[in-house]
Amino acid sequence: MNVTRAVRSGTRVRLPAGVERPTEVYVNGVAQRPGADYRVEDGALVFSRELEQEGKLGFWRWTSILFGVAGTYRRNDVVDVSYEAVGGRRGVASNLPVDPPADPF
């Protein structure tokens, strides 16, 4: 059993400045349900499952992709949020960064 995964309660995604409550949340294009899939806490979305984003690709990885030796098959979750902005206008924040996991110790 991986203790770090067991202790971790969920993945945090910080909301953009000025967004208090999103109207719609999507992960990889799939609508998420408040309460079941995520909750809003201290200016961030806290998901009940673990999300991951691929980091920057290094030189050798890019080279191998360029020459068709390998592809990029790492997990890369994309979080998009639709919200009502100041003045009643609708705003969309796309590909929000996922916070790195907190050290449980």
C-alpha atoms as a PDB file:
ATOM      1  CA  MET A   1       0.000   0.000   0.000  1.00  0.00           C
ATOM      2  CA  ASN A   2       1.293   3.428  -0.907  1.00  0.00           C
ATOM      3  CA  VAL A   3       0.902   5.504   2.280  1.00  0.00           C
ATOM      4  CA  THR A   4       1.229   8.844   0.484  1.00  0.00           C
ATOM      5  CA  ARG A   5      -1.761   8.099  -1.739  1.00  0.00           C
ATOM      6  CA  ALA A   6      -3.824   6.851   1.185  1.00  0.00           C
ATOM      7  CA  VAL A   7      -3.238  10.000   3.265  1.00  0.00           C
ATOM      8  CA  ARG A   8      -3.819  12.442   0.445  1.00  0.00           C
ATOM      9  CA  SER A   9      -7.433  13.624   0.428  1.00  0.00           C
ATOM     10  CA  GLY A  10      -7.615  15.045  -3.105  1.00  0.00           C
ATOM     11  CA  THR A  11      -6.002  17.121  -5.787  1.00  0.00           C
ATOM     12  CA  ARG A  12      -6.179  20.911  -5.485  1.00  0.00           C
ATOM     13  CA  VAL A  13      -6.600  23.237  -8.446  1.00  0.00           C
ATOM     14  CA  ARG A  14      -6.440  26.947  -7.647  1.00  0.00           C
ATOM     15  CA  LEU A  15      -9.214  29.078  -9.101  1.00  0.00           C
ATOM     16  CA  PRO A  16      -8.289  32.267 -10.998  1.00  0.00           C
ATOM     17  CA  ALA A  17      -8.477  35.577  -9.105  1.00  0.00           C
ATOM     18  CA  GLY A  18     -12.034  36.843  -8.757  1.00  0.00           C
ATOM     19  CA  VAL A  19     -13.691  33.448  -9.127  1.00  0.00           C
ATOM     20  CA  GLU A  20     -15.554  32.432  -6.004  1.00  0.00           C
ATOM     21  CA  ARG A  21     -17.907  29.764  -7.306  1.00  0.00           C
ATOM     22  CA  PRO A  22     -17.519  28.178 -10.736  1.00  0.00           C
ATOM     23  CA  THR A  23     -20.717  27.446 -12.648  1.00  0.00           C
ATOM     24  CA  GLU A  24     -19.284  24.493 -14.587  1.00  0.00           C
ATOM     25  CA  VAL A  25     -16.164  22.359 -14.077  1.00  0.00           C
ATOM     26  CA  TYR A  26     -14.709  19.947 -16.639  1.00  0.00           C
ATOM     27  CA  VAL A  27     -11.839  17.461 -16.423  1.00  0.00           C
ATOM     28  CA  ASN A  28     -10.651  16.271 -19.836  1.00  0.00           C
ATOM     29  CA  GLY A  29     -13.907  17.605 -21.329  1.00  0.00           C
ATOM     30  CA  VAL A  30     -16.151  15.639 -18.960  1.00  0.00           C
ATOM     31  CA  ALA A  31     -18.520  17.638 -16.733  1.00  0.00           C
ATOM     32  CA  GLN A  32     -17.855  17.242 -13.004  1.00  0.00           C
ATOM     33  CA  ARG A  33     -20.515  17.325 -10.287  1.00  0.00           C
ATOM     34  CA  PRO A  34     -20.081  19.498  -7.189  1.00  0.00           C
ATOM     35  CA  GLY A  35     -20.137  17.411  -4.036  1.00  0.00           C
ATOM     36  CA  ALA A  36     -19.561  14.123  -5.849  1.00  0.00           C
ATOM     37  CA  ASP A  37     -16.446  14.915  -7.905  1.00  0.00           C
ATOM     38  CA  TYR A  38     -15.121  18.119  -6.308  1.00  0.00           C
ATOM     39  CA  ARG A  39     -15.723  20.748  -3.649  1.00  0.00           C
ATOM     40  CA  VAL A  40     -14.772  24.432  -3.472  1.00  0.00           C
ATOM     41  CA  GLU A  41     -12.459  25.231  -0.563  1.00  0.00           C
ATOM     42  CA  ASP A  42     -10.321  28.345   0.140  1.00  0.00           C
ATOM     43  CA  GLY A  43     -10.245  29.584  -3.471  1.00  0.00           C
ATOM     44  CA  ALA A  44      -9.489  26.171  -4.940  1.00  0.00           C
ATOM     45  CA  LEU A  45     -11.232  23.132  -6.329  1.00  0.00           C
ATOM     46  CA  VAL A  46     -10.508  19.985  -4.339  1.00  0.00           C
ATOM     47  CA  PHE A  47     -11.139  16.841  -6.353  1.00  0.00           C
ATOM     48  CA  SER A  48     -12.021  13.517  -4.763  1.00  0.00           C
ATOM     49  CA  ARG A  49      -9.645  11.716  -7.148  1.00  0.00           C
ATOM     50  CA  GLU A  50      -6.026  12.279  -8.000  1.00  0.00           C
ATOM     51  CA  LEU A  51      -5.277  14.407 -11.060  1.00  0.00           C
ATOM     52  CA  GLU A  52      -1.914  14.632 -12.805  1.00  0.00           C
ATOM     53  CA  GLN A  53      -0.352  16.967 -15.338  1.00  0.00           C
ATOM     54  CA  GLU A  54       2.599  16.204 -17.529  1.00  0.00           C
ATOM     55  CA  GLY A  55       5.583  18.421 -16.865  1.00  0.00           C
ATOM     56  CA  LYS A  56       7.815  20.003 -19.453  1.00  0.00           C
ATOM     57  CA  LEU A  57       9.390  17.606 -21.900  1.00  0.00           C
ATOM     58  CA  GLY A  58      13.172  17.405 -21.904  1.00  0.00           C
ATOM     59  CA  PHE A  59      15.472  17.582 -24.903  1.00  0.00           C
ATOM     60  CA  TRP A  60      15.728  13.807 -25.428  1.00  0.00           C
ATOM     61  CA  ARG A  61      11.983  13.306 -25.120  1.00  0.00           C
ATOM     62  CA  TRP A  62      11.326  15.999 -27.739  1.00  0.00           C
ATOM     63  CA  THR A  63      13.982  14.494 -29.999  1.00  0.00           C
ATOM     64  CA  SER A  64      12.490  11.010 -29.743  1.00  0.00           C
ATOM     65  CA  ILE A  65       9.021  12.403 -30.535  1.00  0.00           C
ATOM     66  CA  LEU A  66      10.384  14.396 -33.478  1.00  0.00           C
ATOM     67  CA  PHE A  67      11.986  11.329 -35.048  1.00  0.00           C
ATOM     68  CA  GLY A  68       8.998   9.102 -34.310  1.00  0.00           C
ATOM     69  CA  VAL A  69      10.882   6.852 -31.905  1.00  0.00           C
ATOM     70  CA  ALA A  70       8.444   7.449 -29.051  1.00  0.00           C
ATOM     71  CA  GLY A  71       5.314   9.369 -28.253  1.00  0.00           C
ATOM     72  CA  THR A  72       4.211  11.030 -25.068  1.00  0.00           C
ATOM     73  CA  TYR A  73       1.948   8.667 -23.182  1.00  0.00           C
ATOM     74  CA  ARG A  74       2.009  10.195 -19.742  1.00  0.00           C
ATOM     75  CA  ARG A  75      -1.208  11.127 -17.992  1.00  0.00           C
ATOM     76  CA  ASN A  76      -2.194  14.751 -18.503  1.00  0.00           C
ATOM     77  CA  ASP A  77      -5.483  15.875 -16.949  1.00  0.00           C
ATOM     78  CA  VAL A  78      -6.889  19.200 -18.186  1.00  0.00           C
ATOM     79  CA  VAL A  79      -9.154  21.210 -15.870  1.00  0.00           C
ATOM     80  CA  ASP A  80     -11.463  23.862 -17.384  1.00  0.00           C
ATOM     81  CA  VAL A  81     -13.789  26.137 -15.414  1.00  0.00           C
ATOM     82  CA  SER A  82     -16.696  28.271 -16.593  1.00  0.00           C
ATOM     83  CA  TYR A  83     -17.764  31.031 -14.219  1.00  0.00           C
ATOM     84  CA  GLU A  84     -19.709  34.270 -13.965  1.00  0.00           C
ATOM     85  CA  ALA A  85     -17.334  37.229 -13.892  1.00  0.00           C
ATOM     86  CA  VAL A  86     -17.856  40.702 -12.435  1.00  0.00           C
ATOM     87  CA  GLY A  87     -20.676  42.530 -14.206  1.00  0.00           C
ATOM     88  CA  GLY A  88     -22.499  39.325 -15.097  1.00  0.00           C
ATOM     89  CA  ARG A  89     -20.192  38.428 -17.979  1.00  0.00           C
ATOM     90  CA  ARG A  90     -19.270  34.806 -18.472  1.00  0.00           C
ATOM     91  CA  GLY A  91     -15.620  33.781 -18.202  1.00  0.00           C
ATOM     92  CA  VAL A  92     -13.731  30.594 -18.998  1.00  0.00           C
ATOM     93  CA  ALA A  93     -10.403  29.489 -17.512  1.00  0.00           C
ATOM     94  CA  SER A  94      -8.808  26.659 -19.430  1.00  0.00           C
ATOM     95  CA  ASN A  95      -6.029  24.211 -18.539  1.00  0.00           C
ATOM     96  CA  LEU A  96      -5.716  25.319 -14.911  1.00  0.00           C
ATOM     97  CA  PRO A  97      -2.545  24.125 -13.180  1.00  0.00           C
ATOM     98  CA  VAL A  98      -2.838  21.227 -10.757  1.00  0.00           C
ATOM     99  CA  ASP A  99      -1.054  21.854  -7.454  1.00  0.00           C
ATOM    100  CA  PRO A 100       1.709  19.377  -6.667  1.00  0.00           C
ATOM    101  CA  PRO A 101       0.832  16.897  -3.928  1.00  0.00           C
ATOM    102  CA  ALA A 102       1.449  18.089  -0.402  1.00  0.00           C
ATOM    103  CA  ASP A 103       3.980  16.150   1.645  1.00  0.00           C
ATOM    104  CA  PRO A 104       1.890  14.321   4.276  1.00  0.00           C
ATOM    105  CA  PHE A 105       4.706  14.356   6.824  1.00  0.00           C
END
